[in-house]
N, C-alpha and C. Protein backbone atom coordinates (compact mmCIF):
# COMPACT_ATOMS: atom_id res chain seq x y z
N MET A 1 2.23 -7.51 -6.84
CA MET A 1 1.56 -7.09 -8.05
C MET A 1 0.55 -5.98 -7.76
N THR A 2 -0.16 -6.11 -6.65
CA THR A 2 -1.15 -5.10 -6.30
C THR A 2 -0.48 -3.77 -6.02
N ALA A 3 0.70 -3.80 -5.39
CA ALA A 3 1.41 -2.56 -5.08
C ALA A 3 1.79 -1.83 -6.35
N ILE A 4 2.17 -2.55 -7.38
CA ILE A 4 2.56 -1.91 -8.64
C ILE A 4 1.34 -1.28 -9.30
N ILE A 5 0.21 -1.94 -9.26
CA ILE A 5 -1.01 -1.38 -9.85
C ILE A 5 -1.41 -0.12 -9.11
N ILE A 6 -1.33 -0.15 -7.77
CA ILE A 6 -1.66 1.03 -6.98
C ILE A 6 -0.74 2.19 -7.33
N LEU A 7 0.56 1.90 -7.49
CA LEU A 7 1.51 2.96 -7.84
C LEU A 7 1.23 3.56 -9.21
N VAL A 8 0.90 2.72 -10.17
CA VAL A 8 0.62 3.22 -11.52
C VAL A 8 -0.62 4.10 -11.51
N VAL A 9 -1.67 3.67 -10.83
CA VAL A 9 -2.89 4.47 -10.75
C VAL A 9 -2.64 5.78 -10.01
N LEU A 10 -1.91 5.72 -8.90
CA LEU A 10 -1.60 6.93 -8.15
C LEU A 10 -0.75 7.90 -8.97
N ALA A 11 0.22 7.38 -9.70
CA ALA A 11 1.05 8.23 -10.55
C ALA A 11 0.20 8.88 -11.65
N ALA A 12 -0.72 8.13 -12.23
CA ALA A 12 -1.58 8.69 -13.27
C ALA A 12 -2.48 9.79 -12.72
N VAL A 13 -3.01 9.59 -11.52
CA VAL A 13 -3.86 10.61 -10.89
C VAL A 13 -3.05 11.86 -10.59
N VAL A 14 -1.85 11.68 -10.04
CA VAL A 14 -1.01 12.83 -9.71
C VAL A 14 -0.61 13.60 -10.96
N ILE A 15 -0.25 12.90 -12.01
CA ILE A 15 0.13 13.57 -13.25
C ILE A 15 -1.06 14.31 -13.85
N SER A 16 -2.23 13.69 -13.87
CA SER A 16 -3.39 14.34 -14.48
C SER A 16 -3.84 15.55 -13.67
N LEU A 17 -3.87 15.44 -12.34
CA LEU A 17 -4.26 16.58 -11.53
C LEU A 17 -3.21 17.69 -11.59
N GLY A 18 -1.96 17.32 -11.59
CA GLY A 18 -0.91 18.31 -11.69
C GLY A 18 -0.94 19.05 -13.01
N THR A 19 -1.23 18.34 -14.07
CA THR A 19 -1.32 18.97 -15.38
C THR A 19 -2.55 19.86 -15.48
N ALA A 20 -3.65 19.41 -14.92
CA ALA A 20 -4.89 20.18 -15.03
C ALA A 20 -4.87 21.44 -14.17
N PHE A 21 -4.33 21.34 -12.97
CA PHE A 21 -4.43 22.46 -12.04
C PHE A 21 -3.13 23.23 -11.82
N GLY A 22 -2.00 22.58 -11.94
CA GLY A 22 -0.76 23.25 -11.58
C GLY A 22 0.21 23.43 -12.72
N GLY A 23 -0.17 23.04 -13.88
CA GLY A 23 0.75 23.14 -15.00
C GLY A 23 1.60 21.90 -15.12
N PRO A 24 2.24 21.75 -16.23
CA PRO A 24 3.02 20.54 -16.49
C PRO A 24 4.20 20.36 -15.54
N LEU A 25 4.82 21.44 -15.12
CA LEU A 25 5.98 21.31 -14.25
C LEU A 25 5.61 20.70 -12.90
N LEU A 26 4.51 21.14 -12.34
CA LEU A 26 4.06 20.59 -11.06
C LEU A 26 3.71 19.12 -11.21
N GLY A 27 3.09 18.77 -12.32
CA GLY A 27 2.75 17.36 -12.57
C GLY A 27 3.99 16.49 -12.67
N VAL A 28 5.01 16.99 -13.31
CA VAL A 28 6.25 16.22 -13.45
C VAL A 28 6.94 16.06 -12.10
N ILE A 29 6.96 17.13 -11.32
CA ILE A 29 7.60 17.07 -10.00
C ILE A 29 6.85 16.10 -9.09
N LEU A 30 5.53 16.19 -9.05
CA LEU A 30 4.75 15.28 -8.22
C LEU A 30 4.87 13.83 -8.68
N ALA A 31 4.90 13.62 -9.99
CA ALA A 31 5.05 12.26 -10.51
C ALA A 31 6.41 11.69 -10.12
N ALA A 32 7.44 12.52 -10.17
CA ALA A 32 8.77 12.05 -9.77
C ALA A 32 8.79 11.66 -8.30
N VAL A 33 8.12 12.45 -7.46
CA VAL A 33 8.06 12.12 -6.03
C VAL A 33 7.32 10.80 -5.82
N VAL A 34 6.22 10.60 -6.53
CA VAL A 34 5.44 9.37 -6.40
C VAL A 34 6.25 8.17 -6.89
N ILE A 35 6.95 8.33 -7.99
CA ILE A 35 7.74 7.22 -8.54
C ILE A 35 8.89 6.86 -7.61
N VAL A 36 9.60 7.86 -7.10
CA VAL A 36 10.71 7.58 -6.17
C VAL A 36 10.18 6.95 -4.89
N GLY A 37 9.08 7.47 -4.36
CA GLY A 37 8.48 6.88 -3.17
C GLY A 37 8.03 5.45 -3.43
N GLY A 38 7.48 5.21 -4.59
CA GLY A 38 7.05 3.85 -4.94
C GLY A 38 8.22 2.89 -5.06
N LEU A 39 9.32 3.36 -5.63
CA LEU A 39 10.50 2.50 -5.72
C LEU A 39 11.07 2.19 -4.34
N ILE A 40 11.07 3.18 -3.45
CA ILE A 40 11.54 2.94 -2.09
C ILE A 40 10.64 1.91 -1.40
N TRP A 41 9.33 2.07 -1.57
CA TRP A 41 8.37 1.14 -0.98
C TRP A 41 8.59 -0.27 -1.54
N PHE A 42 8.74 -0.37 -2.86
CA PHE A 42 8.91 -1.66 -3.51
C PHE A 42 10.18 -2.37 -3.02
N PHE A 43 11.29 -1.64 -2.95
CA PHE A 43 12.54 -2.26 -2.52
C PHE A 43 12.53 -2.58 -1.03
N ALA A 44 11.80 -1.80 -0.24
CA ALA A 44 11.67 -2.11 1.19
C ALA A 44 10.89 -3.41 1.37
N LEU A 45 9.84 -3.59 0.58
CA LEU A 45 9.08 -4.84 0.67
C LEU A 45 9.87 -6.02 0.12
N ALA A 46 10.61 -5.78 -0.96
CA ALA A 46 11.40 -6.86 -1.54
C ALA A 46 12.56 -7.24 -0.63
N GLY A 47 13.07 -6.29 0.13
CA GLY A 47 14.19 -6.56 1.02
C GLY A 47 13.79 -7.26 2.31
N SER A 48 12.52 -7.19 2.67
CA SER A 48 12.10 -7.89 3.88
C SER A 48 12.06 -9.38 3.58
N LYS A 49 12.50 -10.15 4.52
CA LYS A 49 12.60 -11.60 4.31
C LYS A 49 11.32 -12.33 4.68
N THR A 50 10.22 -11.60 4.82
CA THR A 50 8.95 -12.20 5.22
C THR A 50 8.05 -12.33 4.00
N THR A 51 7.52 -13.52 3.80
CA THR A 51 6.58 -13.73 2.71
C THR A 51 5.17 -13.37 3.18
N THR A 52 4.27 -13.21 2.24
CA THR A 52 2.90 -12.88 2.61
C THR A 52 2.24 -14.02 3.39
N GLY A 53 2.58 -15.24 3.07
CA GLY A 53 2.03 -16.38 3.80
C GLY A 53 2.45 -16.39 5.26
N GLU A 54 3.72 -16.01 5.51
CA GLU A 54 4.19 -15.95 6.90
C GLU A 54 3.47 -14.85 7.68
N VAL A 55 3.21 -13.74 7.03
CA VAL A 55 2.50 -12.65 7.70
C VAL A 55 1.09 -13.10 8.10
N VAL A 56 0.42 -13.81 7.21
CA VAL A 56 -0.94 -14.28 7.49
C VAL A 56 -0.94 -15.32 8.61
N ARG A 57 0.03 -16.23 8.58
CA ARG A 57 0.09 -17.28 9.62
C ARG A 57 0.40 -16.70 11.00
N GLU A 58 1.17 -15.62 11.05
CA GLU A 58 1.55 -15.03 12.33
C GLU A 58 0.52 -14.04 12.87
N ALA A 59 -0.50 -13.73 12.11
CA ALA A 59 -1.51 -12.77 12.55
C ALA A 59 -2.32 -13.35 13.70
N PRO A 60 -2.63 -12.54 14.72
CA PRO A 60 -3.42 -13.05 15.84
C PRO A 60 -4.88 -13.25 15.43
N ASP A 61 -5.55 -14.18 16.11
CA ASP A 61 -6.98 -14.40 15.86
C ASP A 61 -7.77 -13.20 16.38
N GLN A 62 -8.73 -12.75 15.59
CA GLN A 62 -9.55 -11.61 15.97
C GLN A 62 -10.76 -12.07 16.77
N GLU A 63 -11.09 -11.33 17.80
CA GLU A 63 -12.30 -11.56 18.58
C GLU A 63 -13.10 -10.26 18.52
N PHE A 64 -13.94 -10.15 17.54
CA PHE A 64 -14.66 -8.91 17.30
C PHE A 64 -15.67 -8.59 18.40
N LEU A 65 -16.23 -9.61 19.00
CA LEU A 65 -17.25 -9.40 20.01
C LEU A 65 -16.72 -9.64 21.42
N GLY A 66 -15.41 -9.71 21.57
CA GLY A 66 -14.82 -9.86 22.89
C GLY A 66 -14.63 -11.32 23.26
N PRO A 67 -13.82 -11.55 24.30
CA PRO A 67 -13.61 -12.93 24.74
C PRO A 67 -14.90 -13.52 25.32
N GLY A 68 -15.17 -14.75 24.95
CA GLY A 68 -16.38 -15.42 25.43
C GLY A 68 -17.60 -15.17 24.56
N GLY A 69 -17.44 -14.34 23.52
CA GLY A 69 -18.56 -14.02 22.64
C GLY A 69 -18.83 -15.14 21.63
N PRO A 70 -19.82 -14.94 20.78
CA PRO A 70 -20.17 -16.01 19.82
C PRO A 70 -19.09 -16.28 18.78
N ASP A 71 -18.14 -15.38 18.60
CA ASP A 71 -17.09 -15.61 17.63
C ASP A 71 -15.78 -16.07 18.29
N ASP A 72 -15.79 -16.35 19.57
CA ASP A 72 -14.60 -16.79 20.29
C ASP A 72 -14.40 -18.29 20.08
N PRO A 73 -13.29 -18.70 19.46
CA PRO A 73 -13.09 -20.15 19.21
C PRO A 73 -12.75 -20.91 20.48
N ASN A 74 -12.36 -20.25 21.54
CA ASN A 74 -11.97 -20.92 22.78
C ASN A 74 -13.06 -20.87 23.85
N ARG A 75 -14.29 -20.61 23.49
CA ARG A 75 -15.34 -20.45 24.52
C ARG A 75 -15.90 -21.74 24.95
């Protein structure tokens, strides 16, 4: 859902800037590129068999202050 919102906002920005500075044709061309890129991104994410929960569970634990520091769970 967040990806779709980002795409809509980005498309609106590209269309408005293209219309204001480059004329309507440039805005349409840039919007088409953003929409096609967004569709490719969306289908690439939809085609991956990994859920967001799996990505979070597989993420490594962060040690911001180094091993043995106050944030190290294994110290």
